[in-house]
C-alpha cells in the first residue's frame, strides 16, 4: 500500500526531512566535540567575547562552538540556522552550588579505590569543559535541541567504573535526568540498576515513598554498595536490594508485587539502550497497575521517531493522489505518529525495528 499526499503536504514532509538533517548534523558535531576535544573552549576565549560583545558567557560559549564547528554563519543560511536554532539555545552555564547543595552530594561519601572489577573514585569537569547536562528538548516542529553545559570552575563528582568504563556518576546530567522520576516516585517503588544509589537515596527520602526495591544483577556491586554506601542513607530501612536480572524480575516476580512506580535505568546511552527499552516496554503489560518511567526516554524516542519517519518516506507515493489503490492521507495525520506520546504507545507493539 502506498500513501498519497497532496503536493503541498509533500513539501511539508520534505521540510521535516530538512529538520531531521539539521538534528543529525548538530548531534554529529557535538558527538565529535564531546568524544575528542571537550576542553576546546577556554576561559580566555569566553572572557574576551563577553567583554567585547556584551553577551552572556553562555552566548559567548555558543558563538565559540559555532566557530569550532566551522560554521559560516555570516554567509551561509544553513549554518546560520544551525547556530541560531540549535547551538545557541543548547548551551547553558551551570553553577556548582546548584549541585553541591543536592542531598546526595551533601550526605554521601564514596570509598575511593578498586574493588574487583569495580572502582569508586571522584572525577572532575575542568573549567569550561563541555558535557551533556540534560536529555534533549523536542520542539513542536521536531527540532531536537541538545543540552550542553559548562562550569566556569572545576567541578568534582563521584563515579563508579566497571572494568575501566564509567557506569554511573552523580554529575549534572544524572541529577537533571532523574529529577522528574524522583518527583514522580510514590508508594512502593522498584528501580532497575544500582550504580551509586542516587535514585534510591533521593526516592527513599520522600515521605510518600514507602519502599524502594533496587534490582541489580551484579552481586559484587551490591556487596560494595551495602557495605560502604547504604549505611549512610537516612532512610535505609526503606531500601530492599534484589540480586536478579531486570527482565527476569519483571517477568516472574514483579507482577506479584503490585508496585506503584518503576524507574528503568539499565543502559549507558541510546546505542545500547534502544533495544532494551523496547523489550521492557513490551513487558509493561505484565504489571498494569505500575507506572513505568525510563531514563533518557526522549532520546530513545527520538531514535524511534526517525526510523518511523524513514519508513513513511518509503511508502509515500510520487504521484498526485488519485485514490486508486492508494491510501490518501494528510501531513498532519502522518506526523501525529511522530510525537512522544504516540511513539511511547507504539513502542510496546514493536517486536523488531529496522533502522
Protein backbone atom coordinates (compact mmCIF):
# COMPACT_ATOMS: atom_id res chain seq x y z
CA UNK A 1 0.00 0.00 0.00
CA UNK A 2 1.28 3.44 -0.95
CA UNK A 3 0.42 6.68 0.85
CA UNK A 4 -0.67 9.58 -1.34
CA UNK A 5 -0.13 13.18 -0.23
CA UNK A 6 -1.10 16.44 -1.85
CA UNK A 7 1.71 18.43 -3.42
CA UNK A 8 1.55 20.91 -0.52
CA UNK A 9 1.78 18.15 2.07
CA UNK A 10 4.70 16.57 0.21
CA UNK A 11 6.53 19.89 0.50
CA UNK A 12 5.79 19.99 4.23
CA UNK A 13 7.04 16.43 4.59
CA UNK A 14 10.23 17.39 2.74
CA UNK A 15 10.71 20.27 5.19
CA UNK A 16 10.53 17.78 8.05
CA UNK A 17 13.28 15.81 6.33
CA UNK A 18 15.31 19.02 6.41
CA UNK A 19 14.77 19.34 10.17
CA UNK A 20 15.87 15.74 10.61
CA UNK A 21 19.07 16.57 8.71
CA UNK A 22 19.77 19.57 10.96
CA UNK A 23 19.13 17.43 14.06
CA UNK A 24 21.62 14.84 12.88
CA UNK A 25 24.22 17.40 11.80
CA UNK A 26 24.17 19.08 15.21
CA UNK A 27 24.25 15.73 17.00
CA UNK A 28 27.27 14.68 14.92
CA UNK A 29 29.13 17.91 15.66
CA UNK A 30 28.52 17.62 19.38
CA UNK A 31 29.45 13.92 19.43
CA UNK A 32 32.79 14.76 17.83
CA UNK A 33 33.42 17.60 20.28
CA UNK A 34 32.48 15.62 23.39
CA UNK A 35 34.35 12.48 22.38
CA UNK A 36 37.51 14.11 21.04
CA UNK A 37 38.01 17.61 22.41
CA UNK A 38 35.56 18.60 25.19
CA UNK A 39 38.03 21.13 26.62
CA UNK A 40 38.36 23.12 23.38
CA UNK A 41 36.75 26.26 24.81
CA UNK A 42 38.85 28.26 27.27
CA UNK A 43 38.03 30.92 29.81
CA UNK A 44 40.16 33.46 27.91
CA UNK A 45 38.04 32.98 24.78
CA UNK A 46 34.85 33.50 26.74
CA UNK A 47 36.10 36.49 28.73
CA UNK A 48 37.22 38.23 25.55
CA UNK A 49 33.86 37.81 23.83
CA UNK A 50 31.90 38.81 26.93
CA UNK A 51 33.97 41.96 27.24
CA UNK A 52 33.88 42.96 23.58
CA UNK A 53 30.34 41.94 22.59
CA UNK A 54 28.27 42.48 25.75
CA UNK A 55 26.91 38.92 25.77
CA UNK A 56 26.47 36.31 28.49
CA UNK A 57 29.07 33.61 28.97
CA UNK A 58 26.63 31.02 27.62
CA UNK A 59 26.08 33.11 24.48
CA UNK A 60 29.82 33.57 24.07
CA UNK A 61 30.33 29.84 24.54
CA UNK A 62 27.81 29.08 21.80
CA UNK A 63 29.49 31.53 19.42
CA UNK A 64 32.88 29.90 20.05
CA UNK A 65 31.38 26.47 19.38
CA UNK A 66 29.96 27.69 16.07
CA UNK A 67 33.47 28.76 15.07
CA UNK A 68 34.95 25.46 16.28
CA UNK A 69 32.40 23.59 14.17
CA UNK A 70 33.43 25.64 11.14
CA UNK A 71 30.02 27.23 10.62
CA UNK A 72 29.94 30.13 8.18
CA UNK A 73 27.14 31.96 9.92
CA UNK A 74 27.58 35.28 8.10
CA UNK A 75 27.42 33.89 4.56
CA UNK A 76 25.65 30.53 4.77
CA UNK A 77 21.93 30.44 5.65
CA UNK A 78 22.01 26.77 6.67
CA UNK A 79 24.94 27.36 9.03
CA UNK A 80 23.22 30.43 10.46
CA UNK A 81 20.12 28.32 11.18
CA UNK A 82 22.25 25.72 12.94
CA UNK A 83 23.72 28.40 15.17
CA UNK A 84 20.52 30.30 15.89
CA UNK A 85 18.12 27.37 16.17
CA UNK A 86 20.42 24.79 17.80
CA UNK A 87 23.86 25.84 19.04
CA UNK A 88 22.98 28.99 20.96
CA UNK A 89 19.83 27.55 22.59
CA UNK A 90 21.68 24.37 23.55
CA UNK A 91 24.37 25.92 25.76
CA UNK A 92 23.94 26.75 29.43
CA UNK A 93 26.35 27.81 32.16
CA UNK A 94 25.88 25.76 35.31
CA UNK A 95 26.58 26.84 38.86
CA UNK A 96 28.43 24.41 41.12
CA UNK A 97 26.39 25.39 44.17
CA UNK A 98 23.19 24.20 42.50
CA UNK A 99 24.54 20.64 42.52
CA UNK A 100 26.72 20.68 45.62
CA UNK A 101 23.59 21.53 47.61
CA UNK A 102 21.97 18.29 46.40
CA UNK A 103 21.21 15.98 49.35
CA UNK A 104 23.28 13.12 47.93
CA UNK A 105 26.32 15.38 47.47
CA UNK A 106 25.97 16.73 50.99
CA UNK A 107 25.41 13.45 52.81
CA UNK A 108 27.02 10.58 50.91
CA UNK A 109 30.75 9.85 50.60
CA UNK A 110 32.01 7.05 48.38
CA UNK A 111 35.01 4.82 49.28
CA UNK A 112 37.65 5.59 46.70
CA UNK A 113 39.57 2.58 45.41
CA UNK A 114 39.28 -0.61 43.36
CA UNK A 115 37.07 -3.49 44.40
CA UNK A 116 37.47 -6.30 41.87
CA UNK A 117 36.18 -5.09 38.51
CA UNK A 118 34.59 -2.06 40.17
CA UNK A 119 36.30 1.22 41.02
CA UNK A 120 34.89 4.11 43.04
CA UNK A 121 36.55 7.48 42.56
CA UNK A 122 35.97 11.20 42.15
CA UNK A 123 36.15 12.60 38.63
CA UNK A 124 36.03 16.26 37.60
CA UNK A 125 34.97 18.61 34.84
CA UNK A 126 37.62 21.18 34.06
CA UNK A 127 36.64 24.86 33.78
CA UNK A 128 34.70 25.42 30.52
CA UNK A 129 34.75 21.72 29.61
CA UNK A 130 31.69 20.81 27.53
CA UNK A 131 29.39 17.99 28.61
CA UNK A 132 25.80 16.79 28.17
CA UNK A 133 23.76 18.16 31.05
CA UNK A 134 20.15 17.10 30.26
CA UNK A 135 18.12 14.98 27.87
CA UNK A 136 17.23 16.53 24.53
CA UNK A 137 14.44 19.11 24.22
CA UNK A 138 11.97 18.30 21.44
CA UNK A 139 10.27 21.31 19.85
CA UNK A 140 6.83 21.30 18.23
CA UNK A 141 8.42 21.15 14.76
CA UNK A 142 10.57 18.14 15.88
CA UNK A 143 13.78 20.09 16.21
CA UNK A 144 15.78 18.26 18.86
CA UNK A 145 17.95 20.58 20.92
CA UNK A 146 20.84 19.03 22.84
CA UNK A 147 21.69 20.36 26.30
CA UNK A 148 25.36 21.23 26.64
CA UNK A 149 26.64 22.56 29.93
CA UNK A 150 29.84 24.00 31.33
CA UNK A 151 31.14 25.28 34.65
CA UNK A 152 33.39 28.31 34.99
CA UNK A 153 35.29 26.44 37.72
CA UNK A 154 36.43 22.88 38.28
CA UNK A 155 33.63 20.60 39.41
CA UNK A 156 34.22 17.21 41.09
CA UNK A 157 31.71 14.38 41.32
CA UNK A 158 31.61 10.74 42.45
CA UNK A 159 31.68 7.97 39.85
CA UNK A 160 31.72 4.19 39.66
CA UNK A 161 33.60 2.35 36.91
CA UNK A 162 33.19 -1.23 35.73
CA UNK A 163 36.33 -2.63 34.10
CA UNK A 164 37.53 0.90 33.45
CA UNK A 165 34.25 2.10 31.87
CA UNK A 166 32.15 4.68 33.68
CA UNK A 167 28.89 3.02 34.66
CA UNK A 168 27.31 5.76 36.74
CA UNK A 169 28.31 9.15 38.12
CA UNK A 170 26.49 11.72 40.20
CA UNK A 171 27.08 14.62 37.83
CA UNK A 172 24.69 17.24 36.41
CA UNK A 173 23.28 15.07 33.62
CA UNK A 174 22.46 12.24 36.01
CA UNK A 175 20.90 14.65 38.51
CA UNK A 176 18.89 16.57 35.90
CA UNK A 177 17.61 13.47 34.09
CA UNK A 178 16.42 11.95 37.36
CA UNK A 179 14.59 14.96 38.76
CA UNK A 180 11.26 14.04 37.18
CA UNK A 181 11.46 10.30 38.04
CA UNK A 182 12.29 11.20 41.64
CA UNK A 183 9.41 13.68 41.77
CA UNK A 184 7.02 11.06 40.32
CA UNK A 185 8.11 8.19 42.57
CA UNK A 186 5.44 7.21 45.10
CA UNK A 187 4.23 4.31 47.19
CA UNK A 188 6.14 1.09 46.65
CA UNK A 189 8.88 1.79 44.10
CA UNK A 190 11.09 -0.54 42.08
CA UNK A 191 14.17 0.59 40.15
CA UNK A 192 16.44 -1.36 37.85
CA UNK A 193 20.16 -0.64 38.05
CA UNK A 194 22.04 0.26 41.24
CA UNK A 195 25.01 2.44 40.27
CA UNK A 196 25.86 4.65 43.24
CA UNK A 197 22.30 4.51 44.54
CA UNK A 198 21.42 8.10 43.65
CA UNK A 199 17.82 7.44 42.62
CA UNK A 200 17.26 5.04 45.52
CA UNK A 201 18.61 7.56 48.02
CA UNK A 202 16.59 10.51 46.75
CA UNK A 203 13.38 8.50 46.35
CA UNK A 204 13.71 6.95 49.82
CA UNK A 205 13.86 10.44 51.35
CA UNK A 206 10.33 11.21 50.12
CA UNK A 207 7.56 10.87 52.67
CA UNK A 208 5.15 9.47 50.06
CA UNK A 209 7.55 6.63 49.17
CA UNK A 210 7.07 3.54 51.32
CA UNK A 211 9.78 1.24 49.92
CA UNK A 212 12.42 1.31 47.20
CA UNK A 213 13.34 -2.08 45.73
CA UNK A 214 16.59 -1.99 43.73
CA UNK A 215 17.11 -4.82 41.24
CA UNK A 216 20.79 -5.32 40.37
CA UNK A 217 22.28 -8.36 38.64
CA UNK A 218 25.89 -7.90 39.80
CA UNK A 219 26.44 -9.37 43.28
CA UNK A 220 29.78 -7.59 43.76
CA UNK A 221 28.18 -4.22 43.06
CA UNK A 222 25.52 -4.99 45.66
CA UNK A 223 28.09 -6.09 48.25
CA UNK A 224 30.12 -2.90 47.81
CA UNK A 225 27.04 -0.72 47.98
CA UNK A 226 25.59 -2.37 51.09
CA UNK A 227 28.96 -2.20 52.85
CA UNK A 228 30.03 1.35 52.03
CA UNK A 229 27.11 3.47 50.80
CA UNK A 230 23.81 2.12 52.12
CA UNK A 231 24.77 2.67 55.79
CA UNK A 232 24.90 6.41 55.01
CA UNK A 233 21.25 6.51 53.84
CA UNK A 234 18.94 8.36 56.21
CA UNK A 235 16.07 6.01 55.30
CA UNK A 236 17.95 2.79 54.65
CA UNK A 237 15.11 0.83 56.24
CA UNK A 238 13.06 1.60 53.09
CA UNK A 239 15.67 0.04 50.78
CA UNK A 240 15.29 -3.54 49.53
CA UNK A 241 18.06 -4.86 47.26
CA UNK A 242 17.43 -7.83 44.99
CA UNK A 243 20.16 -9.68 43.09
CA UNK A 244 18.41 -10.54 39.81
CA UNK A 245 18.30 -9.79 36.11
CA UNK A 246 15.93 -6.90 35.34
CA UNK A 247 13.96 -8.74 32.66
CA UNK A 248 13.67 -11.94 34.66
CA UNK A 249 12.40 -9.95 37.62
CA UNK A 250 9.83 -8.05 35.54
CA UNK A 251 8.50 -11.29 34.05
CA UNK A 252 8.46 -13.58 37.08
CA UNK A 253 8.42 -11.55 40.29
CA UNK A 254 7.16 -8.06 39.65
CA UNK A 255 3.59 -9.00 38.59
CA UNK A 256 3.06 -10.48 42.06
CA UNK A 257 4.39 -7.42 43.92
CA UNK A 258 1.95 -4.64 42.89
CA UNK A 259 4.48 -1.82 42.74
CA UNK A 260 3.12 1.69 42.29
CA UNK A 261 6.07 3.04 40.32
CA UNK A 262 9.02 1.65 38.33
CA UNK A 263 12.11 3.51 37.11
CA UNK A 264 14.20 1.70 34.49
CA UNK A 265 17.86 2.72 34.20
CA UNK A 266 19.92 -0.17 32.77
CA UNK A 267 21.75 1.42 29.82
CA UNK A 268 24.61 3.81 29.16
CA UNK A 269 23.02 5.70 26.27
CA UNK A 270 20.78 5.27 23.22
CA UNK A 271 23.23 2.99 21.40
CA UNK A 272 22.95 0.19 23.98
CA UNK A 273 19.58 1.23 25.41
CA UNK A 274 17.18 1.33 22.47
CA UNK A 275 16.55 -2.41 22.13
CA UNK A 276 16.45 -2.80 25.93
CA UNK A 277 13.88 0.00 26.09
CA UNK A 278 11.62 -1.68 23.53
CA UNK A 279 11.99 -5.02 25.30
CA UNK A 280 10.99 -3.53 28.64
CA UNK A 281 8.08 -1.61 27.11
CA UNK A 282 6.67 -4.93 25.86
CA UNK A 283 6.71 -6.23 29.42
CA UNK A 284 4.81 -3.32 30.98
CA UNK A 285 1.54 -5.16 30.36
CA UNK A 286 2.52 -7.74 32.99
CA UNK A 287 2.21 -5.06 35.69
CA UNK A 288 -0.74 -2.90 34.57
CA UNK A 289 -1.05 -1.14 37.92
CA UNK A 290 2.55 0.08 37.85
CA UNK A 291 3.56 3.42 36.38
CA UNK A 292 6.79 2.98 34.35
CA UNK A 293 9.34 5.68 33.66
CA UNK A 294 12.58 5.38 31.67
CA UNK A 295 15.92 7.15 31.85
CA UNK A 296 16.64 9.46 28.82
CA UNK A 297 13.36 8.40 27.23
CA UNK A 298 13.20 11.46 24.96
CA UNK A 299 16.47 10.44 23.31
CA UNK A 300 15.28 6.85 22.98
CA UNK A 301 12.04 8.01 21.39
CA UNK A 302 14.00 10.25 19.02
CA UNK A 303 15.78 7.20 17.67
CA UNK A 304 12.42 5.53 17.08
CA UNK A 305 10.92 8.69 15.57
CA UNK A 306 13.34 8.87 12.69
CA UNK A 307 13.12 5.14 11.98
CA UNK A 308 9.35 5.55 11.65
CA UNK A 309 9.86 8.67 9.53
CA UNK A 310 12.14 6.80 7.12
CA UNK A 311 9.55 4.04 6.81
CA UNK A 312 6.95 6.68 5.96
CA UNK A 313 9.21 8.11 3.26
CA UNK A 314 9.48 4.67 1.66
CA UNK A 315 5.71 4.36 1.14
CA UNK A 316 4.79 7.90 0.12
CA UNK A 317 3.70 7.97 -3.50
CA UNK A 318 5.39 10.25 -6.03
CA UNK A 319 2.04 10.73 -7.79
CA UNK A 320 -0.61 13.29 -7.11
CA UNK A 321 -3.26 11.41 -5.10
CA UNK A 322 -5.85 9.68 -7.22
CA UNK A 323 -7.45 7.41 -4.65
CA UNK A 324 -6.95 4.42 -6.97
CA UNK A 325 -5.21 1.70 -4.92
CA UNK A 326 -3.67 4.27 -2.60
CA UNK A 327 -4.32 5.39 0.94
CA UNK A 328 -4.88 9.13 0.87
CA UNK A 329 -3.50 10.79 3.97
CA UNK A 330 -2.51 14.24 5.22
CA UNK A 331 0.75 15.58 6.57
CA UNK A 332 -0.87 16.37 9.91
CA UNK A 333 -2.15 12.80 10.20
CA UNK A 334 1.26 11.33 9.39
CA UNK A 335 3.23 13.44 11.82
CA UNK A 336 0.75 12.70 14.61
CA UNK A 337 2.51 9.32 14.80
CA UNK A 338 5.85 11.03 15.50
CA UNK A 339 5.18 12.85 18.76
CA UNK A 340 6.46 11.40 22.02
CA UNK A 341 3.08 10.20 23.29
CA UNK A 342 2.32 8.32 20.07
CA UNK A 343 5.77 6.75 19.95
CA UNK A 344 5.51 5.75 23.60
CA UNK A 345 2.24 3.97 22.82
CA UNK A 346 3.70 2.36 19.71
CA UNK A 347 6.88 1.06 21.35
CA UNK A 348 5.33 -1.96 23.18
CA UNK A 349 3.80 -3.19 19.90
CA UNK A 350 7.12 -3.38 18.05
CA UNK A 351 8.80 -6.75 18.03
CA UNK A 352 11.62 -5.71 15.71
CA UNK A 353 12.61 -2.30 14.40
CA UNK A 354 14.59 -1.95 11.20
CA UNK A 355 16.75 1.17 11.08
